[in-house]
């Protein structure tokens, strides 16, 4: 019973945590007060959300493809490329969007947009790495396939100086890249699902309690 109740409390904690993330992101999206792209390298705000804008160029570095990303029930990858702001700030990863994978899992080509570009979008922490860790896998076209975005390992793989702790997801109105939106919880459970799981765990704890009372206080049969 204590185990089930503990799992229920954990799910409630996750619900409140994700709801706080959604509220913080929505406040930023409502204001849309643009900060410079250099704020992506602010270590004190590595877990926060900001709206940012600035000019720069995409670096001559391999594309990074994040595996196991679904959109509308279809499997695919999320494409990232390294961007160097014109202000000589730390380079940062820019999410270009989602691409589907064919049945043979052949990775799509992700050419780098050329020239000086102005990007505007949401600065956010990279997707959670989860419990699985795996090295970057080089593809035939030079791109890197990843199961998670390890911001400590990526600079060496991209032959880059240290990169910013947060990534930029450009406004879908920016005409670069592929399918994307400003949802901060893709491929993960929303708060409502965590609440549903919490209710299930608490119900199991209650069932164990009721069973314990029945077994403890049931009327003993008289001996013959």
Protein backbone atom coordinates (compact mmCIF):
# COMPACT_ATOMS: atom_id res chain seq x y z
CA UNK A 1 0.00 0.00 0.00
CA UNK A 2 2.85 2.38 0.84
CA UNK A 3 4.50 1.57 -2.50
CA UNK A 4 1.34 2.28 -4.51
CA UNK A 5 0.70 5.52 -2.57
CA UNK A 6 4.31 6.59 -3.17
CA UNK A 7 3.96 6.00 -6.90
CA UNK A 8 0.75 8.01 -6.89
CA UNK A 9 2.48 10.93 -5.16
CA UNK A 10 5.34 10.72 -7.68
CA UNK A 11 2.87 10.95 -10.57
CA UNK A 12 1.22 13.95 -8.93
CA UNK A 13 4.63 15.60 -8.62
CA UNK A 14 5.30 15.03 -12.31
CA UNK A 15 1.89 16.48 -13.14
CA UNK A 16 2.63 19.69 -11.22
CA UNK A 17 6.14 19.89 -12.70
CA UNK A 18 4.92 19.64 -16.29
CA UNK A 19 2.03 22.01 -15.69
CA UNK A 20 4.51 24.57 -14.35
CA UNK A 21 6.60 24.12 -17.52
CA UNK A 22 3.55 24.67 -19.73
CA UNK A 23 2.53 27.77 -17.77
CA UNK A 24 6.04 29.26 -17.98
CA UNK A 25 6.30 28.62 -21.72
CA UNK A 26 2.83 30.03 -22.35
CA UNK A 27 3.71 33.23 -20.49
CA UNK A 28 6.76 33.67 -22.74
CA UNK A 29 4.75 32.95 -25.89
CA UNK A 30 2.12 35.47 -24.85
CA UNK A 31 4.61 38.31 -24.29
CA UNK A 32 7.12 37.43 -27.03
CA UNK A 33 9.60 40.03 -25.79
CA UNK A 34 12.67 39.07 -27.79
CA UNK A 35 16.02 38.69 -26.05
CA UNK A 36 19.32 38.35 -27.93
CA UNK A 37 20.38 34.88 -29.02
CA UNK A 38 23.35 35.18 -26.65
CA UNK A 39 20.93 34.55 -23.76
CA UNK A 40 20.87 30.89 -24.84
CA UNK A 41 24.28 30.54 -23.18
CA UNK A 42 23.12 31.91 -19.81
CA UNK A 43 23.83 28.98 -17.49
CA UNK A 44 21.58 30.44 -14.79
CA UNK A 45 18.57 30.07 -17.11
CA UNK A 46 19.42 26.71 -18.64
CA UNK A 47 16.06 25.24 -17.51
CA UNK A 48 13.95 28.29 -18.39
CA UNK A 49 12.10 29.58 -21.44
CA UNK A 50 12.72 32.82 -23.34
CA UNK A 51 11.74 34.35 -26.65
CA UNK A 52 14.87 35.31 -28.59
CA UNK A 53 15.80 36.76 -31.95
CA UNK A 54 18.95 37.59 -33.86
CA UNK A 55 20.97 37.21 -37.04
CA UNK A 56 23.72 34.79 -37.94
CA UNK A 57 24.73 31.87 -40.12
CA UNK A 58 24.41 28.12 -39.90
CA UNK A 59 27.82 26.61 -39.25
CA UNK A 60 29.52 24.11 -41.56
CA UNK A 61 28.86 21.26 -39.14
CA UNK A 62 26.94 18.00 -39.51
CA UNK A 63 23.22 17.90 -38.93
CA UNK A 64 22.06 16.16 -35.75
CA UNK A 65 19.04 13.85 -36.07
CA UNK A 66 17.19 13.00 -32.86
CA UNK A 67 15.68 9.54 -33.22
CA UNK A 68 12.37 8.12 -31.91
CA UNK A 69 10.33 11.27 -32.51
CA UNK A 70 6.66 10.87 -33.40
CA UNK A 71 4.30 13.35 -35.00
CA UNK A 72 0.64 12.55 -35.67
CA UNK A 73 1.40 8.92 -34.86
CA UNK A 74 4.16 8.63 -37.49
CA UNK A 75 7.78 7.76 -36.63
CA UNK A 76 10.50 10.17 -37.58
CA UNK A 77 13.44 12.27 -36.48
CA UNK A 78 13.89 15.84 -35.29
CA UNK A 79 16.58 17.72 -37.20
CA UNK A 80 19.04 20.16 -35.61
CA UNK A 81 21.86 22.28 -36.99
CA UNK A 82 24.48 24.47 -35.35
CA UNK A 83 23.91 28.22 -35.68
CA UNK A 84 26.51 30.94 -35.08
CA UNK A 85 24.96 34.28 -34.05
CA UNK A 86 26.41 37.39 -35.67
CA UNK A 87 27.19 38.81 -32.22
CA UNK A 88 29.98 36.22 -31.73
CA UNK A 89 27.91 34.69 -28.92
CA UNK A 90 28.12 30.98 -28.16
CA UNK A 91 26.87 28.82 -31.03
CA UNK A 92 23.56 27.10 -30.36
CA UNK A 93 21.52 24.25 -31.76
CA UNK A 94 18.53 25.26 -33.87
CA UNK A 95 15.68 22.82 -34.29
CA UNK A 96 14.74 22.78 -37.97
CA UNK A 97 11.75 20.52 -37.46
CA UNK A 98 10.43 16.98 -37.82
CA UNK A 99 10.95 14.63 -40.75
CA UNK A 100 9.29 11.22 -41.32
CA UNK A 101 11.26 8.02 -41.67
CA UNK A 102 10.52 5.47 -44.41
CA UNK A 103 10.16 1.77 -43.66
CA UNK A 104 13.84 1.10 -44.29
CA UNK A 105 14.78 3.85 -41.79
CA UNK A 106 16.91 5.67 -44.32
CA UNK A 107 17.85 8.98 -42.76
CA UNK A 108 16.70 12.12 -44.62
CA UNK A 109 19.12 14.71 -45.94
CA UNK A 110 19.10 17.96 -43.97
CA UNK A 111 20.94 20.67 -45.95
CA UNK A 112 21.99 23.76 -44.03
CA UNK A 113 20.16 26.99 -44.93
CA UNK A 114 22.61 29.38 -46.57
CA UNK A 115 23.47 33.02 -46.04
CA UNK A 116 22.83 35.44 -43.21
CA UNK A 117 19.47 34.68 -41.61
CA UNK A 118 17.37 36.28 -38.93
CA UNK A 119 15.84 33.71 -36.59
CA UNK A 120 13.17 34.30 -33.98
CA UNK A 121 11.72 31.69 -31.70
CA UNK A 122 11.56 29.94 -28.35
CA UNK A 123 14.68 29.19 -26.33
CA UNK A 124 14.10 26.04 -24.32
CA UNK A 125 16.05 23.22 -22.65
CA UNK A 126 16.97 20.30 -24.90
CA UNK A 127 14.66 17.25 -24.80
CA UNK A 128 15.08 15.11 -21.72
CA UNK A 129 17.68 12.38 -22.22
CA UNK A 130 15.69 9.81 -20.21
CA UNK A 131 17.53 6.79 -18.85
CA UNK A 132 18.96 5.51 -22.14
CA UNK A 133 22.34 6.77 -23.26
CA UNK A 134 24.02 5.93 -26.55
CA UNK A 135 26.90 7.39 -28.56
CA UNK A 136 26.29 9.49 -31.64
CA UNK A 137 26.14 7.41 -34.80
CA UNK A 138 27.68 8.91 -37.95
CA UNK A 139 25.57 8.40 -41.09
CA UNK A 140 26.73 8.00 -44.68
CA UNK A 141 26.02 11.67 -45.48
CA UNK A 142 27.97 12.87 -42.44
CA UNK A 143 24.96 13.64 -40.24
CA UNK A 144 24.83 12.34 -36.66
CA UNK A 145 22.03 10.14 -35.32
CA UNK A 146 21.35 10.58 -31.61
CA UNK A 147 19.00 9.07 -29.03
CA UNK A 148 19.41 12.16 -26.85
CA UNK A 149 21.02 15.58 -27.09
CA UNK A 150 24.09 15.42 -24.86
CA UNK A 151 25.13 19.06 -24.79
CA UNK A 152 28.50 18.12 -23.29
CA UNK A 153 29.40 15.57 -25.98
CA UNK A 154 28.04 17.46 -28.99
CA UNK A 155 30.80 20.12 -29.31
CA UNK A 156 33.47 17.49 -29.93
CA UNK A 157 31.26 15.62 -32.38
CA UNK A 158 30.47 18.84 -34.25
CA UNK A 159 34.06 20.11 -34.01
CA UNK A 160 32.75 23.22 -32.37
CA UNK A 161 33.61 25.34 -29.35
CA UNK A 162 31.25 24.90 -26.37
CA UNK A 163 27.63 25.35 -27.38
CA UNK A 164 24.78 27.01 -25.51
CA UNK A 165 22.85 24.96 -22.96
CA UNK A 166 19.50 25.82 -24.56
CA UNK A 167 18.27 25.23 -28.08
CA UNK A 168 16.25 27.52 -30.33
CA UNK A 169 12.97 26.38 -31.85
CA UNK A 170 12.18 28.95 -34.54
CA UNK A 171 8.71 30.34 -34.86
CA UNK A 172 6.82 28.15 -37.39
CA UNK A 173 6.25 31.40 -39.30
CA UNK A 174 9.99 31.42 -40.15
CA UNK A 175 10.19 29.90 -43.60
CA UNK A 176 13.05 27.52 -42.91
CA UNK A 177 13.21 23.86 -42.01
CA UNK A 178 10.39 21.39 -41.71
CA UNK A 179 7.21 20.63 -39.76
CA UNK A 180 7.36 22.02 -36.24
CA UNK A 181 5.31 23.81 -33.61
CA UNK A 182 5.95 25.42 -30.24
CA UNK A 183 4.73 22.49 -28.14
CA UNK A 184 7.31 22.01 -25.36
CA UNK A 185 6.18 18.48 -24.45
CA UNK A 186 6.30 16.45 -27.66
CA UNK A 187 6.73 12.69 -27.32
CA UNK A 188 6.03 12.80 -23.60
CA UNK A 189 3.07 12.53 -21.26
CA UNK A 190 0.93 15.64 -20.66
CA UNK A 191 -0.10 16.60 -17.10
CA UNK A 192 -3.54 15.00 -17.56
CA UNK A 193 -2.00 11.59 -18.19
CA UNK A 194 0.10 11.85 -15.04
CA UNK A 195 -3.05 12.67 -13.08
CA UNK A 196 -4.76 9.62 -14.54
CA UNK A 197 -1.87 7.37 -13.52
CA UNK A 198 -1.85 8.91 -10.04
CA UNK A 199 -5.53 8.07 -9.63
CA UNK A 200 -4.84 4.47 -10.66
CA UNK A 201 -1.99 4.09 -8.14
CA UNK A 202 -4.09 5.57 -5.33
CA UNK A 203 -6.95 3.25 -6.28
CA UNK A 204 -4.61 0.25 -6.00
CA UNK A 205 -3.44 1.49 -2.59
CA UNK A 206 -7.07 1.77 -1.49
CA UNK A 207 -7.81 -1.73 -2.80
CA UNK A 208 -4.90 -3.15 -0.77
CA UNK A 209 -6.17 -1.31 2.34
CA UNK A 210 -9.69 -2.68 1.92
CA UNK A 211 -8.36 -6.19 1.36
CA UNK A 212 -6.21 -5.93 4.48
CA UNK A 213 -9.21 -4.89 6.58
CA UNK A 214 -11.33 -7.73 5.19
CA UNK A 215 -8.66 -10.32 5.90
CA UNK A 216 -7.93 -8.92 9.35
CA UNK A 217 -11.44 -8.49 10.68
CA UNK A 218 -13.39 -11.19 8.90
CA UNK A 219 -15.44 -13.41 11.15
CA UNK A 220 -13.66 -16.63 12.01
CA UNK A 221 -15.53 -19.85 11.42
CA UNK A 222 -16.20 -21.87 14.60
CA UNK A 223 -14.22 -25.06 14.95
CA UNK A 224 -16.09 -28.37 14.78
